[in-house]
Amino acid sequence: MIDEDMPVRSQGGARLTAALALAIAAWTGFAHAQRRPPAPPNFDAFYELGPDSLIRRGVPKGTVKGPVALPSRVYPGVAHDYWVYVPA
């Protein structure tokens, strides 16, 4: 049912709204594309070596043996490298 007394809305308002929505969508997409990827975490900022981790005179040094390839029995054709610390 159409009311004859109601004024007809112009299409200009709808076009303006659509153009504004399109501009906002384009701008947010552009701003999102300009963001830099996040920096990798810096684990040194969270963990500090204590005095037991420092090299001291008169304390014998151990050695690191490796890499040694360890073939997987679960996944054929896959080998993992590992290292072993041998204390002095």
Protein backbone atom coordinates (compact mmCIF):
# COMPACT_ATOMS: atom_id res chain seq x y z
CA MET A 1 0.00 0.00 0.00
CA ILE A 2 1.50 3.34 -1.03
CA ASP A 3 0.65 6.43 0.95
CA GLU A 4 0.19 9.34 -1.42
CA ASP A 5 1.00 11.90 1.27
CA MET A 6 4.50 10.50 2.05
CA PRO A 7 7.33 12.33 0.29
CA VAL A 8 9.49 10.22 -2.03
CA ARG A 9 13.12 9.99 -0.92
CA SER A 10 15.69 10.96 -3.43
CA GLN A 11 18.29 8.43 -4.58
CA GLY A 12 21.11 10.87 -3.79
CA GLY A 13 21.19 9.89 -0.12
CA ALA A 14 21.45 6.18 -0.94
CA ARG A 15 24.21 6.84 -3.46
CA LEU A 16 26.12 8.93 -0.95
CA THR A 17 25.80 6.21 1.67
CA ALA A 18 26.98 3.56 -0.80
CA ALA A 19 29.92 5.72 -1.90
CA LEU A 20 30.87 6.39 1.72
CA ALA A 21 30.69 2.68 2.59
CA LEU A 22 32.85 1.84 -0.43
CA ALA A 23 35.40 4.51 0.51
CA ILE A 24 35.62 3.23 4.09
CA ALA A 25 36.02 -0.36 2.91
CA ALA A 26 38.75 0.65 0.47
CA TRP A 27 40.58 2.73 3.09
CA THR A 28 40.53 0.02 5.75
CA GLY A 29 41.80 -2.51 3.20
CA PHE A 30 44.58 -0.11 2.22
CA ALA A 31 45.52 0.56 5.82
CA HIS A 32 45.55 -3.16 6.57
CA ALA A 33 47.83 -3.82 3.59
CA GLN A 34 50.28 -1.15 4.81
CA ARG A 35 50.83 -2.76 8.24
CA ARG A 36 54.22 -4.26 8.91
CA PRO A 37 54.40 -7.90 9.94
CA PRO A 38 54.96 -8.35 13.66
CA ALA A 39 58.57 -8.59 14.78
CA PRO A 40 59.78 -12.01 15.90
CA PRO A 41 59.97 -12.42 19.67
CA ASN A 42 63.24 -11.48 21.33
CA PHE A 43 63.78 -14.25 23.87
CA ASP A 44 66.91 -12.54 25.21
CA ALA A 45 64.65 -9.82 26.59
CA PHE A 46 62.95 -12.38 28.87
CA TYR A 47 65.86 -14.60 29.88
CA GLU A 48 69.21 -13.58 31.28
CA LEU A 49 72.11 -15.94 31.80
CA GLY A 50 73.04 -16.31 35.44
CA PRO A 51 76.54 -16.46 36.88
CA ASP A 52 76.58 -20.27 36.55
CA SER A 53 76.28 -19.92 32.77
CA LEU A 54 79.39 -17.79 32.34
CA ILE A 55 82.85 -19.13 31.47
CA ARG A 56 85.22 -19.21 34.48
CA ARG A 57 88.95 -19.74 34.71
CA GLY A 58 90.02 -23.08 36.11
CA VAL A 59 86.77 -24.83 35.20
CA PRO A 60 87.22 -27.52 32.50
CA LYS A 61 85.15 -27.08 29.37
CA GLY A 62 82.99 -29.81 27.97
CA THR A 63 82.53 -30.52 24.26
CA VAL A 64 79.55 -30.76 21.97
CA LYS A 65 79.49 -33.81 19.71
CA GLY A 66 77.37 -33.76 16.60
CA PRO A 67 75.46 -33.36 14.51
CA VAL A 68 74.45 -36.99 14.48
CA ALA A 69 71.57 -38.07 12.25
CA LEU A 70 68.93 -40.16 13.99
CA PRO A 71 66.62 -41.91 11.49
CA SER A 72 62.98 -42.17 12.48
CA ARG A 73 61.33 -45.57 12.82
CA VAL A 74 57.88 -43.98 12.79
CA TYR A 75 58.31 -41.85 9.66
CA PRO A 76 60.45 -43.69 7.11
CA GLY A 77 62.89 -41.47 5.26
CA VAL A 78 62.93 -38.81 7.99
CA ALA A 79 66.09 -38.19 9.99
CA HIS A 80 66.63 -35.73 12.82
CA ASP A 81 69.95 -34.15 13.72
CA TYR A 82 70.94 -34.01 17.35
CA TRP A 83 73.93 -32.90 19.39
CA VAL A 84 75.25 -34.27 22.68
CA TYR A 85 77.09 -32.26 25.31
CA VAL A 86 79.92 -34.27 26.89
CA PRO A 87 81.05 -32.74 30.20
CA ALA A 88 84.79 -32.56 30.90
